[in-house]
Amino acid sequence: MLRKVLIILSFGICLIFLSLFGLEYLDKKEGETFYKSVLPSNNIDVDELKDEYEEVLGYIEIPDTSIYYPVMQGKDNSYYLKHLPNGNFNKMGSIFLDYRNSWFNDKNTVIYGHNFNNGTMFSDLLNYMSDDFYKTHLNYNIYTSNRVIKVAIFAGFILDATKDSLQVDFSEDEFEEFLNKALEKSFIDSDINVSLDDKIITLCTCARGSSKSRLVIMGKILV
């Protein structure tokens, strides 16, 4: 009798795990299908996307990577962690701007995104821990309605999310300290000069192996 009960329990547990795995698989497939449908193959028309998804700001593209996604901005930093741009609940979430940022006008604009084992969303940011990858992926673009923002990457480091947070606005002294700390901690060896007059874009995703660590990739706006 006990053996039968154990067999039934084991079978039930297996079914639960298979169901959860199946739901996660379907969730990711839905997200992948959605993003394929909204990404332009040639001409990038941000206004056309904004007509359908009100909170979209533009597209981010890091050439020769899988990072080519709409950038959203919500009323907090929680909603787009688990929602697609169309509002559907989905674990892939969206790439999104920190709600504290005013467009791309602050000293530090922060853009968040998940990373997954299937290589989607901000997964390719992890490759910046390789010097060879960095040397061939120095720059990226953000397309908005009225401009193309060109960014040059100069630093990358691991952030302890339990102790540190990412500021978006600074006094001059605070910004100088912020840049110095980023360069000190950086695993990227860059020749790019950064000054107090520059504006920064920070890309942030989870670091593999710890839910409390964040991978941060910083670049300065060129134009």
N, C-alpha and C. Protein backbone atom coordinates (compact mmCIF):
# COMPACT_ATOMS: atom_id res chain seq x y z
N MET A 1 0.83 -1.21 0.00
CA MET A 1 0.00 0.00 0.00
C MET A 1 0.87 1.27 0.00
N LEU A 2 1.88 1.27 0.89
CA LEU A 2 2.77 2.43 0.97
C LEU A 2 3.50 2.66 -0.34
N ARG A 3 3.89 1.52 -0.97
CA ARG A 3 4.59 1.63 -2.24
C ARG A 3 3.72 2.29 -3.29
N LYS A 4 2.43 1.91 -3.32
CA LYS A 4 1.51 2.50 -4.30
C LYS A 4 1.33 4.00 -4.07
N VAL A 5 1.24 4.36 -2.78
CA VAL A 5 1.09 5.78 -2.45
C VAL A 5 2.31 6.56 -2.92
N LEU A 6 3.50 6.00 -2.67
CA LEU A 6 4.74 6.67 -3.08
C LEU A 6 4.82 6.81 -4.60
N ILE A 7 4.38 5.78 -5.29
CA ILE A 7 4.38 5.82 -6.76
C ILE A 7 3.44 6.89 -7.27
N ILE A 8 2.24 6.95 -6.67
CA ILE A 8 1.25 7.96 -7.06
C ILE A 8 1.77 9.36 -6.78
N LEU A 9 2.40 9.55 -5.60
CA LEU A 9 2.96 10.86 -5.25
C LEU A 9 4.07 11.26 -6.21
N SER A 10 4.95 10.32 -6.53
CA SER A 10 6.04 10.60 -7.46
C SER A 10 5.51 10.97 -8.84
N PHE A 11 4.49 10.23 -9.26
CA PHE A 11 3.87 10.52 -10.56
C PHE A 11 3.25 11.91 -10.57
N GLY A 12 2.58 12.26 -9.45
CA GLY A 12 1.96 13.58 -9.35
C GLY A 12 2.99 14.70 -9.37
N ILE A 13 4.10 14.50 -8.66
CA ILE A 13 5.16 15.50 -8.65
C ILE A 13 5.76 15.69 -10.04
N CYS A 14 5.95 14.57 -10.73
CA CYS A 14 6.48 14.64 -12.11
C CYS A 14 5.55 15.42 -13.02
N LEU A 15 4.24 15.18 -12.86
CA LEU A 15 3.26 15.90 -13.68
C LEU A 15 3.30 17.40 -13.40
N ILE A 16 3.46 17.76 -12.12
CA ILE A 16 3.53 19.17 -11.76
C ILE A 16 4.74 19.83 -12.39
N PHE A 17 5.91 19.16 -12.30
CA PHE A 17 7.13 19.72 -12.89
C PHE A 17 7.02 19.84 -14.41
N LEU A 18 6.43 18.82 -15.03
CA LEU A 18 6.26 18.86 -16.48
C LEU A 18 5.31 19.98 -16.89
N SER A 19 4.26 20.19 -16.09
CA SER A 19 3.31 21.25 -16.38
C SER A 19 3.97 22.62 -16.27
N LEU A 20 4.75 22.81 -15.19
CA LEU A 20 5.44 24.08 -15.00
C LEU A 20 6.44 24.34 -16.12
N PHE A 21 7.18 23.29 -16.50
CA PHE A 21 8.14 23.42 -17.60
C PHE A 21 7.43 23.78 -18.89
N GLY A 22 6.29 23.12 -19.11
CA GLY A 22 5.52 23.39 -20.33
C GLY A 22 4.99 24.81 -20.37
N LEU A 23 4.49 25.29 -19.23
CA LEU A 23 3.98 26.65 -19.16
C LEU A 23 5.08 27.67 -19.39
N GLU A 24 6.27 27.42 -18.81
CA GLU A 24 7.40 28.35 -19.00
C GLU A 24 7.83 28.36 -20.46
N TYR A 25 7.84 27.18 -21.08
CA TYR A 25 8.21 27.09 -22.49
C TYR A 25 7.23 27.87 -23.36
N LEU A 26 5.95 27.68 -23.11
CA LEU A 26 4.92 28.39 -23.88
C LEU A 26 5.00 29.90 -23.65
N ASP A 27 5.32 30.28 -22.41
CA ASP A 27 5.46 31.69 -22.05
C ASP A 27 6.56 32.34 -22.88
N LYS A 28 7.71 31.68 -22.94
CA LYS A 28 8.84 32.22 -23.70
C LYS A 28 8.54 32.24 -25.20
N LYS A 29 7.86 31.20 -25.68
CA LYS A 29 7.52 31.17 -27.11
C LYS A 29 6.59 32.31 -27.46
N GLU A 30 5.64 32.60 -26.57
CA GLU A 30 4.73 33.73 -26.80
C GLU A 30 5.52 35.03 -26.88
N GLY A 31 6.47 35.20 -25.94
CA GLY A 31 7.28 36.41 -25.94
C GLY A 31 8.13 36.53 -27.20
N GLU A 32 8.77 35.44 -27.59
CA GLU A 32 9.61 35.46 -28.79
C GLU A 32 8.78 35.78 -30.03
N THR A 33 7.61 35.18 -30.13
CA THR A 33 6.73 35.42 -31.28
C THR A 33 6.30 36.88 -31.32
N PHE A 34 5.97 37.43 -30.16
CA PHE A 34 5.56 38.84 -30.11
C PHE A 34 6.69 39.74 -30.60
N TYR A 35 7.89 39.55 -30.08
CA TYR A 35 8.98 40.46 -30.45
C TYR A 35 9.35 40.34 -31.92
N LYS A 36 9.25 39.15 -32.46
CA LYS A 36 9.51 38.99 -33.90
C LYS A 36 8.50 39.78 -34.72
N SER A 37 7.29 39.90 -34.20
CA SER A 37 6.23 40.58 -34.96
C SER A 37 6.36 42.10 -34.92
N VAL A 38 7.04 42.65 -33.90
CA VAL A 38 7.11 44.11 -33.78
C VAL A 38 8.46 44.69 -34.21
N LEU A 39 9.44 43.83 -34.46
CA LEU A 39 10.75 44.35 -34.84
C LEU A 39 10.80 44.61 -36.33
N PRO A 40 11.18 45.83 -36.73
CA PRO A 40 11.24 46.15 -38.16
C PRO A 40 12.41 45.44 -38.81
N SER A 41 12.22 44.99 -40.03
CA SER A 41 13.30 44.31 -40.75
C SER A 41 14.19 45.30 -41.48
N ASN A 42 13.64 46.45 -41.84
CA ASN A 42 14.43 47.45 -42.57
C ASN A 42 14.31 48.82 -41.92
N ASN A 43 13.35 49.62 -42.38
CA ASN A 43 13.20 50.97 -41.86
C ASN A 43 12.57 50.94 -40.46
N ILE A 44 13.19 51.66 -39.53
CA ILE A 44 12.70 51.72 -38.16
C ILE A 44 11.74 52.89 -38.03
N ASP A 45 10.48 52.60 -37.75
CA ASP A 45 9.47 53.63 -37.60
C ASP A 45 8.93 53.59 -36.16
N VAL A 46 9.55 54.41 -35.31
CA VAL A 46 9.16 54.44 -33.90
C VAL A 46 7.75 54.97 -33.73
N ASP A 47 7.39 55.98 -34.53
CA ASP A 47 6.05 56.57 -34.42
C ASP A 47 4.96 55.54 -34.70
N GLU A 48 5.22 54.67 -35.66
CA GLU A 48 4.24 53.63 -35.98
C GLU A 48 4.05 52.69 -34.79
N LEU A 49 5.15 52.36 -34.11
CA LEU A 49 5.05 51.50 -32.93
C LEU A 49 4.35 52.22 -31.79
N LYS A 50 4.62 53.52 -31.63
CA LYS A 50 4.00 54.30 -30.57
C LYS A 50 2.49 54.40 -30.76
N ASP A 51 2.04 54.36 -32.01
CA ASP A 51 0.60 54.40 -32.27
C ASP A 51 -0.10 53.18 -31.65
N GLU A 52 0.64 52.08 -31.57
CA GLU A 52 0.04 50.86 -31.04
C GLU A 52 0.36 50.64 -29.56
N TYR A 53 1.57 51.04 -29.16
CA TYR A 53 2.00 50.82 -27.77
C TYR A 53 2.44 52.16 -27.19
N GLU A 54 1.59 52.74 -26.40
CA GLU A 54 1.73 54.13 -25.96
C GLU A 54 3.03 54.41 -25.21
N GLU A 55 3.50 53.45 -24.43
CA GLU A 55 4.65 53.71 -23.56
C GLU A 55 6.00 53.35 -24.18
N VAL A 56 6.01 53.08 -25.48
CA VAL A 56 7.28 52.78 -26.14
C VAL A 56 8.04 54.09 -26.39
N LEU A 57 9.35 54.05 -26.17
CA LEU A 57 10.21 55.22 -26.40
C LEU A 57 11.03 55.10 -27.67
N GLY A 58 11.35 53.88 -28.04
CA GLY A 58 12.18 53.67 -29.22
C GLY A 58 12.66 52.24 -29.28
N TYR A 59 13.73 52.03 -30.02
CA TYR A 59 14.36 50.71 -30.12
C TYR A 59 15.81 50.81 -29.66
N ILE A 60 16.30 49.74 -29.04
CA ILE A 60 17.72 49.63 -28.76
C ILE A 60 18.28 48.53 -29.66
N GLU A 61 19.43 48.80 -30.26
CA GLU A 61 20.07 47.81 -31.12
C GLU A 61 21.57 47.78 -30.86
N ILE A 62 22.07 46.62 -30.46
CA ILE A 62 23.52 46.40 -30.41
C ILE A 62 23.84 45.52 -31.60
N PRO A 63 24.51 46.07 -32.62
CA PRO A 63 24.74 45.32 -33.86
C PRO A 63 25.42 43.98 -33.63
N ASP A 64 25.04 43.01 -34.44
CA ASP A 64 25.61 41.66 -34.41
C ASP A 64 25.38 40.95 -33.07
N THR A 65 24.27 41.29 -32.42
CA THR A 65 23.83 40.56 -31.23
C THR A 65 22.33 40.33 -31.37
N SER A 66 21.74 39.66 -30.39
CA SER A 66 20.29 39.46 -30.40
C SER A 66 19.56 40.64 -29.77
N ILE A 67 20.29 41.66 -29.31
CA ILE A 67 19.66 42.79 -28.63
C ILE A 67 19.14 43.79 -29.66
N TYR A 68 17.86 43.68 -29.94
CA TYR A 68 17.17 44.53 -30.90
C TYR A 68 15.70 44.53 -30.47
N TYR A 69 15.35 45.45 -29.58
CA TYR A 69 14.05 45.41 -28.93
C TYR A 69 13.48 46.81 -28.73
N PRO A 70 12.15 46.89 -28.60
CA PRO A 70 11.54 48.16 -28.19
C PRO A 70 11.96 48.50 -26.76
N VAL A 71 12.05 49.78 -26.47
CA VAL A 71 12.34 50.25 -25.11
C VAL A 71 11.07 50.92 -24.58
N MET A 72 10.61 50.44 -23.42
CA MET A 72 9.40 50.95 -22.81
C MET A 72 9.74 51.81 -21.59
N GLN A 73 8.75 52.52 -21.06
CA GLN A 73 8.90 53.20 -19.77
C GLN A 73 7.55 53.22 -19.07
N GLY A 74 7.51 52.61 -17.89
CA GLY A 74 6.28 52.55 -17.12
C GLY A 74 6.27 53.55 -15.98
N LYS A 75 5.28 53.42 -15.14
CA LYS A 75 5.14 54.32 -13.98
C LYS A 75 5.96 53.85 -12.78
N ASP A 76 6.54 52.64 -12.90
CA ASP A 76 7.44 52.12 -11.87
C ASP A 76 8.42 51.18 -12.56
N ASN A 77 9.31 50.56 -11.77
CA ASN A 77 10.29 49.64 -12.35
C ASN A 77 9.89 48.17 -12.16
N SER A 78 8.60 47.94 -11.93
CA SER A 78 8.12 46.57 -11.72
C SER A 78 7.29 46.05 -12.90
N TYR A 79 6.44 46.91 -13.44
CA TYR A 79 5.45 46.45 -14.42
C TYR A 79 6.09 45.72 -15.60
N TYR A 80 7.08 46.35 -16.24
CA TYR A 80 7.64 45.76 -17.46
C TYR A 80 8.64 44.64 -17.19
N LEU A 81 8.85 44.31 -15.92
CA LEU A 81 9.63 43.10 -15.62
C LEU A 81 8.88 41.86 -16.08
N LYS A 82 7.54 41.93 -16.06
CA LYS A 82 6.74 40.74 -16.39
C LYS A 82 5.59 41.07 -17.34
N HIS A 83 5.75 42.11 -18.13
CA HIS A 83 4.73 42.43 -19.14
C HIS A 83 5.39 42.77 -20.46
N LEU A 84 4.82 42.27 -21.53
CA LEU A 84 5.25 42.64 -22.88
C LEU A 84 4.75 44.05 -23.19
N PRO A 85 5.27 44.68 -24.23
CA PRO A 85 4.78 46.01 -24.59
C PRO A 85 3.28 46.09 -24.85
N ASN A 86 2.67 44.97 -25.24
CA ASN A 86 1.22 44.97 -25.49
C ASN A 86 0.40 44.78 -24.22
N GLY A 87 1.09 44.68 -23.07
CA GLY A 87 0.39 44.54 -21.80
C GLY A 87 0.16 43.11 -21.35
N ASN A 88 0.49 42.14 -22.19
CA ASN A 88 0.30 40.74 -21.80
C ASN A 88 1.30 40.35 -20.72
N PHE A 89 0.82 39.63 -19.70
CA PHE A 89 1.71 39.12 -18.67
C PHE A 89 2.61 38.06 -19.28
N ASN A 90 3.94 38.22 -19.09
CA ASN A 90 4.88 37.29 -19.68
C ASN A 90 6.22 37.44 -18.96
N LYS A 91 6.85 36.30 -18.63
CA LYS A 91 8.09 36.34 -17.86
C LYS A 91 9.25 36.97 -18.62
N MET A 92 9.16 37.01 -19.94
CA MET A 92 10.23 37.67 -20.70
C MET A 92 10.25 39.16 -20.42
N GLY A 93 9.07 39.71 -20.12
CA GLY A 93 8.99 41.13 -19.84
C GLY A 93 9.39 41.97 -21.03
N SER A 94 9.88 43.18 -20.74
CA SER A 94 10.27 44.13 -21.79
C SER A 94 11.62 44.76 -21.40
N ILE A 95 12.26 45.34 -22.38
CA ILE A 95 13.39 46.23 -22.11
C ILE A 95 12.77 47.58 -21.73
N PHE A 96 13.20 48.15 -20.62
CA PHE A 96 12.52 49.37 -20.19
C PHE A 96 13.44 50.37 -19.50
N LEU A 97 13.07 51.63 -19.65
CA LEU A 97 13.78 52.75 -19.04
C LEU A 97 13.35 52.90 -17.59
N ASP A 98 14.28 53.27 -16.73
CA ASP A 98 13.96 53.57 -15.34
C ASP A 98 12.88 54.65 -15.30
N TYR A 99 11.87 54.44 -14.45
CA TYR A 99 10.74 55.37 -14.41
C TYR A 99 11.17 56.77 -13.95
N ARG A 100 12.32 56.88 -13.27
CA ARG A 100 12.80 58.18 -12.79
C ARG A 100 13.41 59.02 -13.90
N ASN A 101 13.78 58.37 -15.00
CA ASN A 101 14.46 59.08 -16.08
C ASN A 101 13.51 59.94 -16.89
N SER A 102 14.01 61.07 -17.33
CA SER A 102 13.27 61.96 -18.23
C SER A 102 13.84 61.78 -19.64
N TRP A 103 13.17 60.90 -20.38
CA TRP A 103 13.64 60.56 -21.72
C TRP A 103 15.09 60.12 -21.65
N PHE A 104 16.01 60.73 -22.42
CA PHE A 104 17.43 60.40 -22.33
C PHE A 104 18.22 61.64 -21.97
N ASN A 105 17.63 62.49 -21.14
CA ASN A 105 18.22 63.80 -20.84
C ASN A 105 18.97 63.86 -19.52
N ASP A 106 18.87 62.82 -18.68
CA ASP A 106 19.53 62.84 -17.38
C ASP A 106 21.02 62.51 -17.52
N LYS A 107 21.76 62.75 -16.47
CA LYS A 107 23.19 62.43 -16.49
C LYS A 107 23.39 60.93 -16.64
N ASN A 108 22.50 60.14 -16.06
CA ASN A 108 22.58 58.69 -16.19
C ASN A 108 21.20 58.12 -16.49
N THR A 109 21.04 57.61 -17.69
CA THR A 109 19.80 56.95 -18.09
C THR A 109 19.98 55.45 -17.93
N VAL A 110 19.08 54.81 -17.18
CA VAL A 110 19.22 53.38 -16.88
C VAL A 110 18.17 52.59 -17.65
N ILE A 111 18.63 51.54 -18.33
CA ILE A 111 17.75 50.67 -19.11
C ILE A 111 17.90 49.24 -18.58
N TYR A 112 16.78 48.63 -18.21
CA TYR A 112 16.78 47.29 -17.62
C TYR A 112 16.25 46.24 -18.60
N GLY A 113 16.68 45.00 -18.37
CA GLY A 113 16.14 43.89 -19.14
C GLY A 113 16.58 42.57 -18.53
N HIS A 114 15.75 41.54 -18.68
CA HIS A 114 16.12 40.20 -18.21
C HIS A 114 17.17 39.60 -19.13
N ASN A 115 17.76 38.49 -18.69
CA ASN A 115 18.52 37.64 -19.63
C ASN A 115 18.12 36.19 -19.39
N PHE A 116 18.09 35.42 -20.48
CA PHE A 116 17.62 34.03 -20.42
C PHE A 116 18.61 33.11 -21.11
N ASN A 117 18.52 31.83 -20.74
CA ASN A 117 19.43 30.84 -21.33
C ASN A 117 19.23 30.65 -22.83
N ASN A 118 18.06 31.09 -23.33
CA ASN A 118 17.83 30.95 -24.78
C ASN A 118 18.40 32.11 -25.57
N GLY A 119 19.13 33.02 -24.90
CA GLY A 119 19.84 34.09 -25.60
C GLY A 119 19.00 35.31 -25.90
N THR A 120 17.80 35.41 -25.33
CA THR A 120 16.93 36.55 -25.63
C THR A 120 17.14 37.70 -24.66
N MET A 121 16.48 38.82 -24.97
CA MET A 121 16.50 40.04 -24.16
C MET A 121 17.95 40.51 -23.96
N PHE A 122 18.38 40.77 -22.72
CA PHE A 122 19.73 41.32 -22.50
C PHE A 122 20.79 40.24 -22.28
N SER A 123 20.54 39.02 -22.72
CA SER A 123 21.50 37.93 -22.49
C SER A 123 22.88 38.23 -23.05
N ASP A 124 22.95 38.86 -24.22
CA ASP A 124 24.25 39.11 -24.85
C ASP A 124 25.10 40.11 -24.09
N LEU A 125 24.52 40.83 -23.13
CA LEU A 125 25.34 41.74 -22.32
C LEU A 125 26.40 40.98 -21.53
N LEU A 126 26.11 39.73 -21.19
CA LEU A 126 27.06 38.91 -20.44
C LEU A 126 28.35 38.69 -21.22
N ASN A 127 28.27 38.79 -22.54
CA ASN A 127 29.45 38.59 -23.37
C ASN A 127 30.47 39.71 -23.22
N TYR A 128 30.03 40.85 -22.68
CA TYR A 128 30.97 41.96 -22.50
C TYR A 128 32.03 41.67 -21.44
N MET A 129 31.90 40.56 -20.74
CA MET A 129 32.94 40.16 -19.81
C MET A 129 34.14 39.58 -20.54
N SER A 130 33.97 39.38 -21.85
CA SER A 130 35.07 38.95 -22.71
C SER A 130 35.65 40.15 -23.44
N ASP A 131 36.96 40.35 -23.34
CA ASP A 131 37.61 41.49 -23.97
C ASP A 131 37.47 41.44 -25.49
N ASP A 132 37.53 40.24 -26.05
CA ASP A 132 37.40 40.10 -27.51
C ASP A 132 36.03 40.56 -27.98
N PHE A 133 35.00 40.21 -27.21
CA PHE A 133 33.65 40.63 -27.58
C PHE A 133 33.54 42.15 -27.49
N TYR A 134 34.04 42.73 -26.42
CA TYR A 134 33.96 44.18 -26.26
C TYR A 134 34.61 44.91 -27.44
N LYS A 135 35.76 44.45 -27.87
CA LYS A 135 36.50 45.14 -28.93
C LYS A 135 35.73 45.15 -30.25
N THR A 136 34.84 44.20 -30.43
CA THR A 136 34.06 44.14 -31.68
C THR A 136 32.62 44.64 -31.50
N HIS A 137 32.30 45.09 -30.30
CA HIS A 137 30.94 45.60 -30.02
C HIS A 137 31.02 46.84 -29.13
N LEU A 138 31.80 47.80 -29.59
CA LEU A 138 32.06 49.01 -28.80
C LEU A 138 30.85 49.93 -28.73
N ASN A 139 30.07 49.98 -29.80
CA ASN A 139 29.02 50.98 -29.93
C ASN A 139 27.65 50.34 -30.15
N TYR A 140 26.62 51.07 -29.79
CA TYR A 140 25.26 50.65 -30.11
C TYR A 140 24.38 51.87 -30.33
N ASN A 141 23.15 51.63 -30.79
CA ASN A 141 22.24 52.72 -31.14
C ASN A 141 20.90 52.58 -30.42
N ILE A 142 20.32 53.73 -30.12
CA ILE A 142 18.94 53.78 -29.65
C ILE A 142 18.17 54.68 -30.61
N TYR A 143 17.13 54.15 -31.23
CA TYR A 143 16.35 54.88 -32.21
C TYR A 143 15.11 55.45 -31.55
N THR A 144 14.91 56.75 -31.63
CA THR A 144 13.71 57.38 -31.10
C THR A 144 12.97 58.04 -32.26
N SER A 145 11.88 58.74 -31.94
CA SER A 145 11.09 59.38 -32.98
C SER A 145 11.86 60.46 -33.74
N ASN A 146 12.75 61.14 -33.04
CA ASN A 146 13.39 62.30 -33.68
C ASN A 146 14.91 62.26 -33.73
N ARG A 147 15.52 61.15 -33.26
CA ARG A 147 16.98 61.10 -33.33
C ARG A 147 17.47 59.67 -33.20
N VAL A 148 18.72 59.47 -33.60
CA VAL A 148 19.41 58.22 -33.34
C VAL A 148 20.50 58.52 -32.31
N ILE A 149 20.38 57.91 -31.14
CA ILE A 149 21.35 58.11 -30.07
C ILE A 149 22.46 57.09 -30.23
N LYS A 150 23.68 57.57 -30.44
CA LYS A 150 24.83 56.68 -30.59
C LYS A 150 25.59 56.64 -29.26
N VAL A 151 25.90 55.43 -28.83
CA VAL A 151 26.50 55.22 -27.51
C VAL A 151 27.80 54.44 -27.64
N ALA A 152 28.84 54.88 -26.91
CA ALA A 152 30.13 54.18 -26.86
C ALA A 152 30.33 53.59 -25.48
N ILE A 153 30.52 52.29 -25.40
CA ILE A 153 30.65 51.59 -24.11
C ILE A 153 32.05 51.78 -23.54
N PHE A 154 32.12 52.15 -22.28
CA PHE A 154 33.43 52.40 -21.65
C PHE A 154 33.66 51.64 -20.35
N ALA A 155 32.62 51.04 -19.76
CA ALA A 155 32.80 50.34 -18.48
C ALA A 155 31.76 49.26 -18.29
N GLY A 156 32.13 48.26 -17.50
CA GLY A 156 31.21 47.20 -17.12
C GLY A 156 31.64 46.62 -15.78
N PHE A 157 30.68 46.34 -14.91
CA PHE A 157 31.01 45.80 -13.60
C PHE A 157 29.81 45.08 -13.01
N ILE A 158 30.06 44.35 -11.92
CA ILE A 158 29.00 43.65 -11.20
C ILE A 158 28.59 44.50 -10.01
N LEU A 159 27.29 44.70 -9.87
CA LEU A 159 26.73 45.52 -8.81
C LEU A 159 26.02 44.64 -7.79
N ASP A 160 26.27 44.88 -6.52
CA ASP A 160 25.55 44.19 -5.45
C ASP A 160 24.23 44.94 -5.22
N ALA A 161 23.14 44.34 -5.68
CA ALA A 161 21.84 45.03 -5.63
C ALA A 161 21.32 45.20 -4.22
N THR A 162 21.89 44.47 -3.26
CA THR A 162 21.44 44.61 -1.87
C THR A 162 22.09 45.81 -1.18
N LYS A 163 23.18 46.32 -1.77
CA LYS A 163 23.91 47.43 -1.14
C LYS A 163 23.91 48.70 -1.98
N ASP A 164 23.91 48.54 -3.29
CA ASP A 164 24.06 49.69 -4.18
C ASP A 164 22.86 49.83 -5.10
N SER A 165 22.58 51.05 -5.49
CA SER A 165 21.53 51.32 -6.48
C SER A 165 22.09 52.26 -7.53
N LEU A 166 21.39 52.37 -8.62
CA LEU A 166 21.85 53.20 -9.73
C LEU A 166 21.15 54.56 -9.70
N GLN A 167 21.92 55.61 -9.50
CA GLN A 167 21.37 56.95 -9.53
C GLN A 167 21.14 57.40 -10.96
N VAL A 168 20.24 58.38 -11.11
CA VAL A 168 20.00 58.95 -12.44
C VAL A 168 20.35 60.43 -12.49
N ASP A 169 20.38 61.08 -11.34
CA ASP A 169 20.67 62.50 -11.29
C ASP A 169 21.72 62.77 -10.22
N PHE A 170 22.61 63.74 -10.47
CA PHE A 170 23.75 63.95 -9.59
C PHE A 170 24.11 65.42 -9.49
N SER A 171 24.79 65.76 -8.40
CA SER A 171 25.56 67.01 -8.37
C SER A 171 26.85 66.72 -9.14
N GLU A 172 27.62 67.75 -9.43
CA GLU A 172 28.86 67.54 -10.18
C GLU A 172 29.82 66.64 -9.42
N ASP A 173 29.94 66.84 -8.11
CA ASP A 173 30.84 66.01 -7.30
C ASP A 173 30.37 64.56 -7.26
N GLU A 174 29.07 64.38 -7.14
CA GLU A 174 28.51 63.02 -7.10
C GLU A 174 28.75 62.30 -8.42
N PHE A 175 28.59 63.03 -9.52
CA PHE A 175 28.78 62.41 -10.84
C PHE A 175 30.24 62.02 -11.04
N GLU A 176 31.15 62.86 -10.59
CA GLU A 176 32.58 62.54 -10.70
C GLU A 176 32.91 61.28 -9.90
N GLU A 177 32.36 61.19 -8.69
CA GLU A 177 32.59 60.00 -7.86
C GLU A 177 31.97 58.77 -8.51
N PHE A 178 30.78 58.93 -9.07
CA PHE A 178 30.08 57.84 -9.76
C PHE A 178 30.93 57.29 -10.90
N LEU A 179 31.48 58.17 -11.73
CA LEU A 179 32.31 57.74 -12.86
C LEU A 179 33.60 57.08 -12.39
N ASN A 180 34.22 57.66 -11.38
CA ASN A 180 35.48 57.10 -10.88
C ASN A 180 35.29 55.70 -10.33
N LYS A 181 34.22 55.49 -9.59
CA LYS A 181 33.94 54.17 -9.03
C LYS A 181 33.65 53.16 -10.14
N ALA A 182 32.91 53.60 -11.16
CA ALA A 182 32.61 52.70 -12.28
C ALA A 182 33.88 52.27 -12.99
N LEU A 183 34.78 53.20 -13.22
CA LEU A 183 36.04 52.88 -13.92
C LEU A 183 36.94 52.01 -13.06
N GLU A 184 36.93 52.23 -11.75
CA GLU A 184 37.74 51.42 -10.84
C GLU A 184 37.28 49.96 -10.83
N LYS A 185 35.97 49.76 -10.85
CA LYS A 185 35.41 48.41 -10.75
C LYS A 185 35.33 47.70 -12.10
N SER A 186 35.54 48.44 -13.17
CA SER A 186 35.25 47.92 -14.51
C SER A 186 36.15 46.76 -14.92
N PHE A 187 35.53 45.74 -15.51
CA PHE A 187 36.29 44.64 -16.12
C PHE A 187 36.58 44.94 -17.59
N ILE A 188 36.10 46.07 -18.09
CA ILE A 188 36.34 46.49 -19.46
C ILE A 188 37.53 47.45 -19.49
N ASP A 189 38.49 47.15 -20.35
CA ASP A 189 39.65 48.01 -20.52
C ASP A 189 39.40 48.88 -21.75
N SER A 190 39.02 50.14 -21.50
CA SER A 190 38.58 51.02 -22.59
C SER A 190 39.49 52.23 -22.73
N ASP A 191 39.63 52.69 -23.98
CA ASP A 191 40.38 53.92 -24.26
C ASP A 191 39.46 55.13 -24.38
N ILE A 192 38.17 54.93 -24.16
CA ILE A 192 37.20 56.02 -24.33
C ILE A 192 37.29 56.99 -23.15
N ASN A 193 37.45 58.25 -23.46
CA ASN A 193 37.51 59.28 -22.42
C ASN A 193 36.10 59.71 -22.03
N VAL A 194 35.87 59.81 -20.73
CA VAL A 194 34.58 60.24 -20.21
C VAL A 194 34.79 61.45 -19.32
N SER A 195 33.98 62.49 -19.53
CA SER A 195 34.13 63.73 -18.76
C SER A 195 32.84 64.03 -18.00
N LEU A 196 32.92 65.04 -17.14
CA LEU A 196 31.75 65.43 -16.35
C LEU A 196 30.66 66.05 -17.22
N ASP A 197 31.00 66.41 -18.44
CA ASP A 197 30.02 66.99 -19.36
C ASP A 197 29.22 65.92 -20.10
N ASP A 198 29.66 64.67 -20.02
CA ASP A 198 29.01 63.60 -20.77
C ASP A 198 27.73 63.14 -20.09
N LYS A 199 26.87 62.55 -20.89
CA LYS A 199 25.68 61.86 -20.39
C LYS A 199 25.86 60.37 -20.62
N ILE A 200 25.41 59.60 -19.65
CA ILE A 200 25.68 58.16 -19.62
C ILE A 200 24.39 57.38 -19.83
N ILE A 201 24.51 56.25 -20.53
CA ILE A 201 23.42 55.28 -20.57
C ILE A 201 23.94 53.99 -19.94
N THR A 202 23.21 53.49 -18.96
CA THR A 202 23.59 52.28 -18.23
C THR A 202 22.61 51.17 -18.55
N LEU A 203 23.13 50.06 -19.06
CA LEU A 203 22.33 48.87 -19.31
C LEU A 203 22.49 47.92 -18.14
N CYS A 204 21.39 47.39 -17.63
CA CYS A 204 21.44 46.59 -16.40
C CYS A 204 20.63 45.31 -16.55
N THR A 205 21.24 44.18 -16.17
CA THR A 205 20.55 42.90 -16.18
C THR A 205 21.06 42.07 -15.02
N CYS A 206 20.42 40.94 -14.75
CA CYS A 206 20.89 40.07 -13.67
C CYS A 206 22.21 39.42 -14.05
N ALA A 207 23.09 39.28 -13.06
CA ALA A 207 24.33 38.53 -13.28
C ALA A 207 24.05 37.06 -13.04
N ARG A 208 24.57 36.21 -13.87
CA ARG A 208 24.31 34.78 -13.73
C ARG A 208 24.89 34.25 -12.42
N GLY A 209 24.13 33.40 -11.76
CA GLY A 209 24.62 32.76 -10.56
C GLY A 209 24.19 33.41 -9.26
N SER A 210 23.58 34.60 -9.33
CA SER A 210 23.14 35.25 -8.10
C SER A 210 21.98 36.18 -8.40
N SER A 211 20.90 36.01 -7.65
CA SER A 211 19.73 36.87 -7.84
C SER A 211 19.96 38.26 -7.25
N LYS A 212 21.02 38.41 -6.47
CA LYS A 212 21.29 39.68 -5.80
C LYS A 212 22.33 40.53 -6.54
N SER A 213 22.88 40.00 -7.61
CA SER A 213 23.92 40.73 -8.35
C SER A 213 23.38 41.20 -9.70
N ARG A 214 23.87 42.34 -10.15
CA ARG A 214 23.48 42.89 -11.44
C ARG A 214 24.71 43.15 -12.30
N LEU A 215 24.59 42.83 -13.56
CA LEU A 215 25.63 43.18 -14.53
C LEU A 215 25.30 44.55 -15.09
N VAL A 216 26.25 45.46 -15.05
CA VAL A 216 26.05 46.83 -15.49
C VAL A 216 27.02 47.14 -16.62
N ILE A 217 26.48 47.62 -17.73
CA ILE A 217 27.31 48.03 -18.88
C ILE A 217 27.03 49.51 -19.13
N MET A 218 28.09 50.34 -19.05
CA MET A 218 27.93 51.77 -19.15
C MET A 218 28.55 52.32 -20.43
N GLY A 219 27.83 53.25 -21.04
CA GLY A 219 28.33 53.91 -22.24
C GLY A 219 28.03 55.39 -22.21
N LYS A 220 28.80 56.16 -22.94
CA LYS A 220 28.51 57.60 -23.01
C LYS A 220 27.84 57.93 -24.34
N ILE A 221 26.93 58.90 -24.29
CA ILE A 221 26.24 59.32 -25.50
C ILE A 221 27.20 60.14 -26.37
N LEU A 222 27.35 59.71 -27.61
CA LEU A 222 28.22 60.43 -28.55
C LEU A 222 27.47 61.53 -29.26
N VAL A 223 26.27 61.19 -29.75
CA VAL A 223 25.38 62.17 -30.41
C VAL A 223 23.95 61.86 -30.05
